[in-house]
Amino acid sequence: MRKYLISAAALIAVAGGTVVIAQAPMAVPGSKDVAKVTGGTYSIEPSHTQIVFAYDHMGFTNNMGVITQPTGTLTLDKANLSASKVSITLPIANLTTGIPALNEHLAKPEFFDAAKFPTATFVSTGVKPDGATGADITGNLTIKGITKPVTLDAEFYGAGANPMNKKENVGFVATGTIKRSDFGMGGFVPVVGDNVELKIIVAFQK
């Protein structure tokens, strides 16, 4: 496949003959350097936090959905990472698969029963550092009023000051697997897979 570079002359032509001077791109404010993390208490930055879930459908496809705009806090103890704590509340009304009929189906009593249980929560019970940038986070996950222990494999993604508001941000990506039948949502197993893979992209703001 050919790759094309758009010349300055072509850009001027597209702009109707007007010379457009582009601003120099800003440096990426987030850094992979863990030394940039100062520790302390943070709140979830909901606009850039997503909980993605994926499951097997009839052995044909690996379908997914996402829950957006959660709330929560992180207490990060740099001197003693194992003393750090995290809690997240997920609004089930913000669950979407991109398919309206499926969204409605998942909100029904046989699945999330969103009218009765509008939120799901995760509250950490332990943090075990894993290398320089990772940690195994154990905690209690509550869905549909049922609480089960889960472990998430978390990895530091980046930290630094957000140029828009000058506040310190720190981001992580965490993964894990749960069984939906553990939370009273075992309908259609095994035609629809019981295992649900989780990928949590979370931004915290100081």
C-alpha atoms as a PDB file:
ATOM      1  CA  MET A   1       0.000   0.000   0.000  1.00  0.00           C
ATOM      2  CA  ARG A   2       1.360   3.430  -0.939  1.00  0.00           C
ATOM      3  CA  LYS A   3       1.759   6.105   1.675  1.00  0.00           C
ATOM      4  CA  TYR A   4       1.156   9.700   0.612  1.00  0.00           C
ATOM      5  CA  LEU A   5       2.586  12.850   2.137  1.00  0.00           C
ATOM      6  CA  ILE A   6       0.467  16.000   1.742  1.00  0.00           C
ATOM      7  CA  SER A   7       2.692  18.871   0.681  1.00  0.00           C
ATOM      8  CA  ALA A   8       2.402  22.428   1.942  1.00  0.00           C
ATOM      9  CA  ALA A   9       1.231  23.509  -1.511  1.00  0.00           C
ATOM     10  CA  ALA A  10      -1.570  20.951  -1.454  1.00  0.00           C
ATOM     11  CA  LEU A  11      -2.670  22.132   1.989  1.00  0.00           C
ATOM     12  CA  ILE A  12      -2.780  25.714   0.736  1.00  0.00           C
ATOM     13  CA  ALA A  13      -4.902  24.609  -2.219  1.00  0.00           C
ATOM     14  CA  VAL A  14      -7.321  22.761   0.055  1.00  0.00           C
ATOM     15  CA  ALA A  15      -7.566  25.898   2.203  1.00  0.00           C
ATOM     16  CA  GLY A  16      -8.707  27.861  -0.838  1.00  0.00           C
ATOM     17  CA  GLY A  17      -5.372  29.486  -1.556  1.00  0.00           C
ATOM     18  CA  THR A  18      -4.995  30.909   1.937  1.00  0.00           C
ATOM     19  CA  VAL A  19      -1.716  30.214   3.673  1.00  0.00           C
ATOM     20  CA  VAL A  20      -2.417  28.371   6.907  1.00  0.00           C
ATOM     21  CA  ILE A  21       0.358  28.239   9.479  1.00  0.00           C
ATOM     22  CA  ALA A  22      -0.158  25.319  11.832  1.00  0.00           C
ATOM     23  CA  GLN A  23       0.809  25.623  15.453  1.00  0.00           C
ATOM     24  CA  ALA A  24       3.726  23.512  16.573  1.00  0.00           C
ATOM     25  CA  PRO A  25       2.431  20.411  18.367  1.00  0.00           C
ATOM     26  CA  MET A  26       2.665  20.458  22.142  1.00  0.00           C
ATOM     27  CA  ALA A  27       4.817  17.885  23.868  1.00  0.00           C
ATOM     28  CA  VAL A  28       2.839  14.993  25.332  1.00  0.00           C
ATOM     29  CA  PRO A  29       2.207  16.010  28.962  1.00  0.00           C
ATOM     30  CA  GLY A  30       1.960  12.455  30.300  1.00  0.00           C
ATOM     31  CA  SER A  31       5.157  10.586  31.142  1.00  0.00           C
ATOM     32  CA  LYS A  32       5.932   6.895  31.641  1.00  0.00           C
ATOM     33  CA  ASP A  33       8.331   7.919  34.414  1.00  0.00           C
ATOM     34  CA  VAL A  34       6.880   6.711  37.727  1.00  0.00           C
ATOM     35  CA  ALA A  35       8.925   9.391  39.465  1.00  0.00           C
ATOM     36  CA  LYS A  36       6.372  11.882  38.107  1.00  0.00           C
ATOM     37  CA  VAL A  37       3.744  10.403  40.436  1.00  0.00           C
ATOM     38  CA  THR A  38       3.631  12.358  43.684  1.00  0.00           C
ATOM     39  CA  GLY A  39       1.125  10.226  45.556  1.00  0.00           C
ATOM     40  CA  GLY A  40      -1.779  11.413  47.650  1.00  0.00           C
ATOM     41  CA  THR A  41      -5.525  11.386  47.091  1.00  0.00           C
ATOM     42  CA  TYR A  42      -7.035  11.428  43.604  1.00  0.00           C
ATOM     43  CA  SER A  43     -10.523  11.323  42.124  1.00  0.00           C
ATOM     44  CA  ILE A  44     -11.513   9.518  38.948  1.00  0.00           C
ATOM     45  CA  GLU A  45     -11.482  11.722  35.871  1.00  0.00           C
ATOM     46  CA  PRO A  46     -14.686  10.316  34.326  1.00  0.00           C
ATOM     47  CA  SER A  47     -14.267  11.684  30.815  1.00  0.00           C
ATOM     48  CA  HIS A  48     -11.262   9.450  30.199  1.00  0.00           C
ATOM     49  CA  THR A  49     -12.157   6.371  32.219  1.00  0.00           C
ATOM     50  CA  GLN A  50     -13.779   3.330  30.622  1.00  0.00           C
ATOM     51  CA  ILE A  51     -14.595  -0.177  31.797  1.00  0.00           C
ATOM     52  CA  VAL A  52     -14.569  -2.467  28.768  1.00  0.00           C
ATOM     53  CA  PHE A  53     -15.991  -5.989  28.984  1.00  0.00           C
ATOM     54  CA  ALA A  54     -15.837  -8.801  26.432  1.00  0.00           C
ATOM     55  CA  TYR A  55     -17.495 -12.221  26.219  1.00  0.00           C
ATOM     56  CA  ASP A  56     -17.895 -15.151  23.846  1.00  0.00           C
ATOM     57  CA  HIS A  57     -21.099 -15.284  21.797  1.00  0.00           C
ATOM     58  CA  MET A  58     -21.999 -18.775  20.569  1.00  0.00           C
ATOM     59  CA  GLY A  59     -18.390 -19.477  19.713  1.00  0.00           C
ATOM     60  CA  PHE A  60     -18.712 -17.157  16.726  1.00  0.00           C
ATOM     61  CA  THR A  61     -17.592 -13.795  18.065  1.00  0.00           C
ATOM     62  CA  ASN A  62     -15.946 -12.041  20.981  1.00  0.00           C
ATOM     63  CA  ASN A  63     -18.382  -9.208  21.645  1.00  0.00           C
ATOM     64  CA  MET A  64     -17.839  -6.261  23.914  1.00  0.00           C
ATOM     65  CA  GLY A  65     -19.430  -3.347  25.696  1.00  0.00           C
ATOM     66  CA  VAL A  66     -18.325  -0.450  27.844  1.00  0.00           C
ATOM     67  CA  ILE A  67     -19.398   1.343  31.010  1.00  0.00           C
ATOM     68  CA  THR A  68     -18.453   5.011  31.084  1.00  0.00           C
ATOM     69  CA  GLN A  69     -18.209   7.930  33.509  1.00  0.00           C
ATOM     70  CA  PRO A  70     -17.683   6.083  36.786  1.00  0.00           C
ATOM     71  CA  THR A  71     -16.809   7.850  40.033  1.00  0.00           C
ATOM     72  CA  GLY A  72     -14.277   6.905  42.660  1.00  0.00           C
ATOM     73  CA  THR A  73     -11.049   7.660  44.475  1.00  0.00           C
ATOM     74  CA  LEU A  74      -7.446   6.526  44.675  1.00  0.00           C
ATOM     75  CA  THR A  75      -5.255   6.943  47.722  1.00  0.00           C
ATOM     76  CA  LEU A  76      -1.722   6.368  46.458  1.00  0.00           C
ATOM     77  CA  ASP A  77       1.009   5.849  49.033  1.00  0.00           C
ATOM     78  CA  LYS A  78       4.339   6.127  47.194  1.00  0.00           C
ATOM     79  CA  ALA A  79       6.374   5.180  50.248  1.00  0.00           C
ATOM     80  CA  ASN A  80       4.300   2.033  50.842  1.00  0.00           C
ATOM     81  CA  LEU A  81       2.386   1.006  47.716  1.00  0.00           C
ATOM     82  CA  SER A  82       0.727  -1.898  49.521  1.00  0.00           C
ATOM     83  CA  ALA A  83      -1.103   0.668  51.674  1.00  0.00           C
ATOM     84  CA  SER A  84      -2.728   2.267  48.617  1.00  0.00           C
ATOM     85  CA  LYS A  85      -6.499   2.023  48.173  1.00  0.00           C
ATOM     86  CA  VAL A  86      -8.936   2.389  45.296  1.00  0.00           C
ATOM     87  CA  SER A  87     -12.719   2.412  45.013  1.00  0.00           C
ATOM     88  CA  ILE A  88     -14.894   2.745  41.910  1.00  0.00           C
ATOM     89  CA  THR A  89     -18.652   3.094  41.432  1.00  0.00           C
ATOM     90  CA  LEU A  90     -20.036   2.164  38.016  1.00  0.00           C
ATOM     91  CA  PRO A  91     -23.379   3.566  36.782  1.00  0.00           C
ATOM     92  CA  ILE A  92     -25.152   0.700  35.000  1.00  0.00           C
ATOM     93  CA  ALA A  93     -27.238   3.238  33.065  1.00  0.00           C
ATOM     94  CA  ASN A  94     -24.004   4.166  31.262  1.00  0.00           C
ATOM     95  CA  LEU A  95     -23.473   0.639  29.938  1.00  0.00           C
ATOM     96  CA  THR A  96     -23.523   0.500  26.169  1.00  0.00           C
ATOM     97  CA  THR A  97     -22.811  -2.114  23.540  1.00  0.00           C
ATOM     98  CA  GLY A  98     -23.596   0.183  20.618  1.00  0.00           C
ATOM     99  CA  ILE A  99     -26.793  -1.827  20.057  1.00  0.00           C
ATOM    100  CA  PRO A 100     -29.856  -0.220  21.741  1.00  0.00           C
ATOM    101  CA  ALA A 101     -31.893  -3.444  21.910  1.00  0.00           C
ATOM    102  CA  LEU A 102     -29.014  -5.291  23.584  1.00  0.00           C
ATOM    103  CA  ASN A 103     -28.508  -2.435  26.043  1.00  0.00           C
ATOM    104  CA  GLU A 104     -32.165  -2.774  27.071  1.00  0.00           C
ATOM    105  CA  HIS A 105     -31.834  -6.561  27.328  1.00  0.00           C
ATOM    106  CA  LEU A 106     -28.807  -6.320  29.632  1.00  0.00           C
ATOM    107  CA  ALA A 107     -30.685  -3.896  31.907  1.00  0.00           C
ATOM    108  CA  LYS A 108     -33.446  -6.459  32.553  1.00  0.00           C
ATOM    109  CA  PRO A 109     -33.754  -8.487  35.806  1.00  0.00           C
ATOM    110  CA  GLU A 110     -32.116 -11.636  34.368  1.00  0.00           C
ATOM    111  CA  PHE A 111     -28.948  -9.627  33.807  1.00  0.00           C
ATOM    112  CA  PHE A 112     -27.994  -6.380  35.597  1.00  0.00           C
ATOM    113  CA  ASP A 113     -31.510  -5.576  36.885  1.00  0.00           C
ATOM    114  CA  ALA A 114     -30.549  -1.926  36.517  1.00  0.00           C
ATOM    115  CA  ALA A 115     -33.788  -0.551  37.963  1.00  0.00           C
ATOM    116  CA  LYS A 116     -33.165  -2.321  41.281  1.00  0.00           C
ATOM    117  CA  PHE A 117     -29.350  -2.190  41.255  1.00  0.00           C
ATOM    118  CA  PRO A 118     -28.325   1.014  39.444  1.00  0.00           C
ATOM    119  CA  THR A 119     -24.630   0.767  40.349  1.00  0.00           C
ATOM    120  CA  ALA A 120     -21.818  -1.748  40.627  1.00  0.00           C
ATOM    121  CA  THR A 121     -18.800  -1.156  42.878  1.00  0.00           C
ATOM    122  CA  PHE A 122     -15.215  -2.258  43.330  1.00  0.00           C
ATOM    123  CA  VAL A 123     -13.418  -1.633  46.629  1.00  0.00           C
ATOM    124  CA  SER A 124      -9.818  -2.740  47.003  1.00  0.00           C
ATOM    125  CA  THR A 125      -8.726  -4.890  49.928  1.00  0.00           C
ATOM    126  CA  GLY A 126      -5.050  -5.217  49.051  1.00  0.00           C
ATOM    127  CA  VAL A 127      -2.353  -4.001  46.680  1.00  0.00           C
ATOM    128  CA  LYS A 128       0.707  -6.135  45.888  1.00  0.00           C
ATOM    129  CA  PRO A 129       3.402  -4.364  43.842  1.00  0.00           C
ATOM    130  CA  ASP A 130       4.601  -6.303  40.802  1.00  0.00           C
ATOM    131  CA  GLY A 131       7.798  -4.887  39.353  1.00  0.00           C
ATOM    132  CA  ALA A 132       8.466  -1.192  38.909  1.00  0.00           C
ATOM    133  CA  THR A 133       5.161  -0.247  37.284  1.00  0.00           C
ATOM    134  CA  GLY A 134       2.635  -2.992  38.041  1.00  0.00           C
ATOM    135  CA  ALA A 135       0.480  -4.241  40.895  1.00  0.00           C
ATOM    136  CA  ASP A 136      -2.004  -7.001  41.661  1.00  0.00           C
ATOM    137  CA  ILE A 137      -5.064  -5.350  43.174  1.00  0.00           C
ATOM    138  CA  THR A 138      -7.450  -7.565  45.116  1.00  0.00           C
ATOM    139  CA  GLY A 139     -10.852  -6.305  46.098  1.00  0.00           C
ATOM    140  CA  ASN A 140     -14.567  -6.859  46.434  1.00  0.00           C
ATOM    141  CA  LEU A 141     -16.674  -6.483  43.304  1.00  0.00           C
ATOM    142  CA  THR A 142     -20.401  -5.990  43.881  1.00  0.00           C
ATOM    143  CA  ILE A 143     -22.840  -6.440  41.010  1.00  0.00           C
ATOM    144  CA  LYS A 144     -26.572  -6.889  41.423  1.00  0.00           C
ATOM    145  CA  GLY A 145     -26.163  -6.869  45.198  1.00  0.00           C
ATOM    146  CA  ILE A 146     -23.759  -9.843  45.121  1.00  0.00           C
ATOM    147  CA  THR A 147     -20.178  -9.354  46.339  1.00  0.00           C
ATOM    148  CA  LYS A 148     -17.278 -11.544  45.198  1.00  0.00           C
ATOM    149  CA  PRO A 149     -13.492 -11.189  45.536  1.00  0.00           C
ATOM    150  CA  VAL A 150     -11.598 -10.438  42.334  1.00  0.00           C
ATOM    151  CA  THR A 151      -8.001  -9.703  41.395  1.00  0.00           C
ATOM    152  CA  LEU A 152      -7.002  -7.112  38.809  1.00  0.00           C
ATOM    153  CA  ASP A 153      -3.618  -6.914  37.094  1.00  0.00           C
ATOM    154  CA  ALA A 154      -2.856  -3.192  37.029  1.00  0.00           C
ATOM    155  CA  GLU A 155      -0.130  -1.401  35.100  1.00  0.00           C
ATOM    156  CA  PHE A 156       0.937   2.239  35.388  1.00  0.00           C
ATOM    157  CA  TYR A 157       0.345   4.092  32.099  1.00  0.00           C
ATOM    158  CA  GLY A 158       1.453   7.676  32.640  1.00  0.00           C
ATOM    159  CA  ALA A 159       1.474  10.731  34.885  1.00  0.00           C
ATOM    160  CA  GLY A 160       1.906  14.477  34.701  1.00  0.00           C
ATOM    161  CA  ALA A 161       0.112  17.809  34.793  1.00  0.00           C
ATOM    162  CA  ASN A 162      -2.917  18.230  32.547  1.00  0.00           C
ATOM    163  CA  PRO A 163      -2.219  21.387  30.504  1.00  0.00           C
ATOM    164  CA  MET A 164      -5.936  22.216  30.404  1.00  0.00           C
ATOM    165  CA  ASN A 165      -6.387  22.632  34.158  1.00  0.00           C
ATOM    166  CA  LYS A 166      -2.817  22.231  35.538  1.00  0.00           C
ATOM    167  CA  LYS A 167      -3.956  19.389  37.798  1.00  0.00           C
ATOM    168  CA  GLU A 168      -1.853  16.279  38.272  1.00  0.00           C
ATOM    169  CA  ASN A 169      -3.163  13.199  36.458  1.00  0.00           C
ATOM    170  CA  VAL A 170      -2.142   9.573  36.733  1.00  0.00           C
ATOM    171  CA  GLY A 171      -3.437   6.751  34.549  1.00  0.00           C
ATOM    172  CA  PHE A 172      -3.550   2.975  34.781  1.00  0.00           C
ATOM    173  CA  VAL A 173      -4.766   0.029  32.745  1.00  0.00           C
ATOM    174  CA  ALA A 174      -6.074  -2.990  34.645  1.00  0.00           C
ATOM    175  CA  THR A 175      -7.247  -6.364  33.375  1.00  0.00           C
ATOM    176  CA  GLY A 176      -9.052  -9.322  34.902  1.00  0.00           C
ATOM    177  CA  THR A 177     -11.636 -12.029  34.323  1.00  0.00           C
ATOM    178  CA  ILE A 178     -14.877 -12.713  36.194  1.00  0.00           C
ATOM    179  CA  LYS A 179     -17.732 -15.186  35.826  1.00  0.00           C
ATOM    180  CA  ARG A 180     -21.057 -13.497  35.246  1.00  0.00           C
ATOM    181  CA  SER A 181     -22.868 -16.468  36.810  1.00  0.00           C
ATOM    182  CA  ASP A 182     -21.177 -15.541  40.120  1.00  0.00           C
ATOM    183  CA  PHE A 183     -23.257 -12.364  40.077  1.00  0.00           C
ATOM    184  CA  GLY A 184     -26.658 -13.822  39.263  1.00  0.00           C
ATOM    185  CA  MET A 185     -26.342 -13.327  35.512  1.00  0.00           C
ATOM    186  CA  GLY A 186     -25.866 -16.900  34.302  1.00  0.00           C
ATOM    187  CA  GLY A 187     -28.547 -16.921  31.625  1.00  0.00           C
ATOM    188  CA  PHE A 188     -27.719 -18.642  28.313  1.00  0.00           C
ATOM    189  CA  VAL A 189     -24.504 -20.252  29.605  1.00  0.00           C
ATOM    190  CA  PRO A 190     -22.703 -21.920  27.818  1.00  0.00           C
ATOM    191  CA  VAL A 191     -24.152 -20.638  24.525  1.00  0.00           C
ATOM    192  CA  VAL A 192     -23.100 -17.198  25.678  1.00  0.00           C
ATOM    193  CA  GLY A 193     -19.816 -17.429  27.567  1.00  0.00           C
ATOM    194  CA  ASP A 194     -19.707 -17.288  31.340  1.00  0.00           C
ATOM    195  CA  ASN A 195     -16.240 -15.741  31.474  1.00  0.00           C
ATOM    196  CA  VAL A 196     -16.172 -11.968  31.062  1.00  0.00           C
ATOM    197  CA  GLU A 197     -12.857 -10.291  30.323  1.00  0.00           C
ATOM    198  CA  LEU A 198     -12.354  -6.848  31.817  1.00  0.00           C
ATOM    199  CA  LYS A 199     -10.113  -4.025  30.676  1.00  0.00           C
ATOM    200  CA  ILE A 200     -10.235  -0.931  32.854  1.00  0.00           C
ATOM    201  CA  ILE A 201      -8.746   2.271  31.466  1.00  0.00           C
ATOM    202  CA  VAL A 202      -8.748   4.702  34.349  1.00  0.00           C
ATOM    203  CA  ALA A 203      -7.574   8.281  34.789  1.00  0.00           C
ATOM    204  CA  PHE A 204      -7.232   9.806  38.229  1.00  0.00           C
ATOM    205  CA  GLN A 205      -6.904  13.530  38.907  1.00  0.00           C
ATOM    206  CA  LYS A 206      -5.412  15.076  42.031  1.00  0.00           C
END
